[in-house]
Protein backbone atom coordinates (compact mmCIF):
# COMPACT_ATOMS: atom_id res chain seq x y z
CA UNK A 1 27.77 -18.73 -85.78
CA UNK A 2 29.40 -16.14 -83.23
CA UNK A 3 32.76 -16.32 -82.25
CA UNK A 4 33.43 -14.21 -79.16
CA UNK A 5 36.82 -13.31 -78.59
CA UNK A 6 38.56 -14.30 -75.60
CA UNK A 7 38.42 -11.85 -72.63
CA UNK A 8 41.96 -11.10 -71.59
CA UNK A 9 42.84 -11.85 -67.67
CA UNK A 10 42.66 -8.46 -65.33
CA UNK A 11 45.69 -7.25 -65.24
CA UNK A 12 46.41 -5.68 -61.91
CA UNK A 13 49.64 -4.16 -59.93
CA UNK A 14 50.42 -4.97 -56.35
CA UNK A 15 53.07 -2.80 -54.30
CA UNK A 16 54.67 -4.74 -51.73
CA UNK A 17 56.72 -2.60 -48.87
CA UNK A 18 59.19 -4.03 -46.39
CA UNK A 19 59.12 -1.68 -43.83
CA UNK A 20 62.30 -0.14 -42.45
CA UNK A 21 63.35 3.07 -40.56
CA UNK A 22 67.15 2.90 -42.43
CA UNK A 23 65.99 0.75 -45.34
CA UNK A 24 62.93 0.38 -46.88
CA UNK A 25 62.16 -2.85 -49.43
CA UNK A 26 59.31 -2.15 -52.15
CA UNK A 27 58.32 -4.38 -55.27
CA UNK A 28 56.11 -3.55 -57.58
CA UNK A 29 54.40 -6.77 -59.45
CA UNK A 30 52.41 -6.66 -62.62
CA UNK A 31 49.32 -9.55 -62.38
CA UNK A 32 47.67 -11.14 -64.73
CA UNK A 33 45.53 -14.16 -64.25
CA UNK A 34 47.73 -16.79 -62.56
CA UNK A 35 50.92 -15.17 -64.64
CA UNK A 36 53.22 -12.23 -62.63
CA UNK A 37 56.27 -10.20 -63.75
CA UNK A 38 58.30 -7.54 -61.63
CA UNK A 39 57.53 -4.45 -62.59
CA UNK A 40 60.14 -2.74 -60.68
CA UNK A 41 62.08 -3.44 -56.86
CA UNK A 42 64.15 -1.30 -54.68
CA UNK A 43 64.97 0.24 -51.42
CA UNK A 44 64.41 3.69 -49.90
CA UNK A 45 67.61 4.78 -48.20
CA UNK A 46 67.05 6.52 -44.72
CA UNK A 47 70.05 6.35 -42.83
CA UNK A 48 70.90 9.66 -43.97
CA UNK A 49 68.13 11.83 -42.72
CA UNK A 50 69.28 12.36 -39.08
CA UNK A 51 65.77 12.85 -37.37
CA UNK A 52 63.31 9.91 -36.93
CA UNK A 53 60.39 12.71 -38.22
CA UNK A 54 62.31 13.27 -41.15
CA UNK A 55 62.86 9.68 -42.54
CA UNK A 56 59.07 9.24 -42.04
CA UNK A 57 58.60 12.21 -44.13
CA UNK A 58 60.79 10.70 -46.88
CA UNK A 59 59.14 7.58 -46.36
CA UNK A 60 56.02 9.21 -47.40
CA UNK A 61 56.89 11.34 -50.20
CA UNK A 62 58.75 8.39 -51.79
CA UNK A 63 55.83 5.74 -51.37
CA UNK A 64 53.31 8.25 -52.60
CA UNK A 65 55.71 9.01 -55.48
CA UNK A 66 55.60 4.97 -56.45
CA UNK A 67 51.97 5.32 -55.83
CA UNK A 68 51.65 8.01 -58.62
CA UNK A 69 53.80 6.77 -61.12
CA UNK A 70 52.81 2.56 -61.20
CA UNK A 71 49.18 3.19 -59.86
CA UNK A 72 48.91 0.13 -57.46
CA UNK A 73 46.20 -1.87 -57.07
CA UNK A 74 46.76 -2.65 -53.90
CA UNK A 75 49.17 -2.73 -51.16
CA UNK A 76 51.01 -5.42 -49.46
CA UNK A 77 53.22 -4.80 -45.86
CA UNK A 78 55.16 -7.06 -43.65
CA UNK A 79 54.17 -6.76 -40.11
CA UNK A 80 56.64 -5.68 -37.83
CA UNK A 81 57.65 -8.87 -35.56
CA UNK A 82 57.80 -8.59 -31.99
CA UNK A 83 61.27 -8.11 -30.86
CA UNK A 84 63.40 -7.48 -27.49
CA UNK A 85 63.39 -3.59 -28.34
CA UNK A 86 60.44 -1.80 -27.48
CA UNK A 87 62.07 1.46 -28.89
CA UNK A 88 62.72 -0.24 -32.44
CA UNK A 89 59.25 -1.70 -32.62
CA UNK A 90 57.93 1.80 -32.20
CA UNK A 91 60.09 3.19 -35.06
CA UNK A 92 59.23 0.50 -37.52
CA UNK A 93 55.59 0.58 -36.67
CA UNK A 94 56.24 4.53 -37.37
CA UNK A 95 57.55 3.75 -40.65
CA UNK A 96 54.85 1.36 -41.58
CA UNK A 97 51.76 3.31 -40.64
CA UNK A 98 53.45 6.28 -42.89
CA UNK A 99 53.70 3.64 -45.46
CA UNK A 100 49.88 2.96 -45.20
CA UNK A 101 48.79 6.38 -44.83
CA UNK A 102 50.58 7.04 -48.47
CA UNK A 103 48.40 4.00 -49.72
CA UNK A 104 45.04 5.54 -47.97
CA UNK A 105 45.53 8.94 -49.17
CA UNK A 106 45.28 7.26 -52.59
CA UNK A 107 42.39 4.87 -51.63
CA UNK A 108 44.48 1.94 -52.26
CA UNK A 109 43.34 -1.10 -49.95
CA UNK A 110 45.95 -2.48 -47.70
CA UNK A 111 46.88 -6.02 -46.63
CA UNK A 112 49.05 -7.02 -43.86
CA UNK A 113 51.63 -10.26 -43.55
CA UNK A 114 53.22 -11.69 -40.58
CA UNK A 115 57.26 -12.19 -41.86
CA UNK A 116 56.42 -16.08 -41.51
CA UNK A 117 53.45 -16.19 -43.94
CA UNK A 118 55.72 -14.46 -46.41
CA UNK A 119 58.35 -16.86 -46.13
CA UNK A 120 56.35 -19.51 -45.69
CA UNK A 121 54.42 -18.46 -49.00
CA UNK A 122 57.50 -18.03 -50.97
CA UNK A 123 59.84 -20.86 -49.86
CA UNK A 124 57.55 -23.18 -48.25
CA UNK A 125 59.23 -22.46 -45.13
CA UNK A 126 58.28 -20.00 -42.51
CA UNK A 127 61.55 -19.86 -41.03
CA UNK A 128 63.28 -19.49 -44.59
CA UNK A 129 66.45 -16.78 -44.02
CA UNK A 130 66.19 -13.67 -46.21
CA UNK A 131 68.61 -15.34 -48.48
CA UNK A 132 66.60 -18.46 -49.00
CA UNK A 133 63.69 -16.07 -49.67
CA UNK A 134 65.48 -14.20 -52.38
CA UNK A 135 67.06 -17.44 -54.10
CA UNK A 136 63.67 -18.85 -54.30
CA UNK A 137 62.47 -15.31 -55.70
CA UNK A 138 65.53 -15.08 -58.17
CA UNK A 139 64.21 -18.37 -59.69
CA UNK A 140 60.25 -17.69 -59.48
CA UNK A 141 60.81 -13.91 -60.68
CA UNK A 142 63.53 -14.58 -62.85
CA UNK A 143 65.44 -12.22 -61.70
CA UNK A 144 68.94 -11.91 -63.19
CA UNK A 145 71.03 -10.80 -60.02
CA UNK A 146 70.12 -10.36 -56.86
CA UNK A 147 70.33 -6.89 -55.00
CA UNK A 148 72.68 -6.15 -52.30
CA UNK A 149 69.96 -5.20 -50.27
CA UNK A 150 67.52 -8.19 -49.42
CA UNK A 151 64.89 -5.45 -48.30
CA UNK A 152 63.85 -5.11 -52.10
CA UNK A 153 63.31 -8.80 -52.55
CA UNK A 154 61.90 -9.05 -49.17
CA UNK A 155 59.02 -6.71 -50.82
CA UNK A 156 59.15 -8.89 -53.57
CA UNK A 157 58.42 -11.94 -51.75
CA UNK A 158 55.41 -9.85 -49.62
CA UNK A 159 53.76 -8.80 -52.67
CA UNK A 160 54.02 -12.46 -54.34
CA UNK A 161 52.39 -13.41 -51.17
CA UNK A 162 49.44 -11.08 -51.29
CA UNK A 163 49.13 -12.71 -54.78
CA UNK A 164 48.96 -16.22 -53.79
CA UNK A 165 46.56 -15.70 -50.99
CA UNK A 166 44.19 -13.01 -52.37
CA UNK A 167 40.68 -13.97 -51.92
CA UNK A 168 41.06 -16.60 -49.94
CA UNK A 169 41.63 -14.91 -46.90
CA UNK A 170 38.06 -13.43 -47.15
CA UNK A 171 36.84 -16.67 -48.40
CA UNK A 172 38.39 -18.12 -45.29
CA UNK A 173 36.94 -16.01 -42.96
CA UNK A 174 40.32 -14.82 -41.65
CA UNK A 175 41.55 -11.61 -41.81
CA UNK A 176 45.58 -10.04 -42.20
CA UNK A 177 46.93 -7.91 -39.66
CA UNK A 178 47.73 -8.01 -36.11
CA UNK A 179 44.86 -10.38 -35.14
CA UNK A 180 46.16 -13.41 -38.04
CA UNK A 181 50.02 -12.36 -36.62
CA UNK A 182 49.31 -12.98 -33.31
CA UNK A 183 47.42 -16.37 -34.12
CA UNK A 184 50.36 -17.68 -36.22
CA UNK A 185 52.90 -16.60 -33.81
CA UNK A 186 51.51 -17.30 -30.63
CA UNK A 187 55.52 -17.64 -29.04
CA UNK A 188 56.57 -14.52 -29.85
CA UNK A 189 53.59 -12.83 -27.04
CA UNK A 190 54.93 -12.38 -23.62
């Protein structure tokens, strides 16, 4: 009788991005089957750059550098939420677009999740605060000490949300992005 070696679950790396124009969070998860662990997380400080164009350039360079170093299989981003300030929303959308362009330049697939979906996936409460999300991630990912800037844990939350939902989006015939965000957040549409 021939014994077959047990196959190791396929490894994959998910890059989570919490877009921002002053601080952009990123987090990388290594997933093996249903288990996951942090590879790295942090923030990209952009406040020190004077012009919006220079910030966008730095976002592209840093995200490309992270991609080249860790070779993620997929990128998950938090979709910008509708706010009162149209200029802020426009700048945030540009920052998200530049991060997406960095992934697309390396042929990395992208999925967007609404802030509510990320919070719901991580904490069970779509209206959870950044602090609640960070505390739950501290438990789930065995983080010893939370960072000062919670944009980093927000990005890990996006990556973990993607891990929890990957495959289910396609099987239910749903897609992530603006359409699903608008469907999940009708109260934010004016």
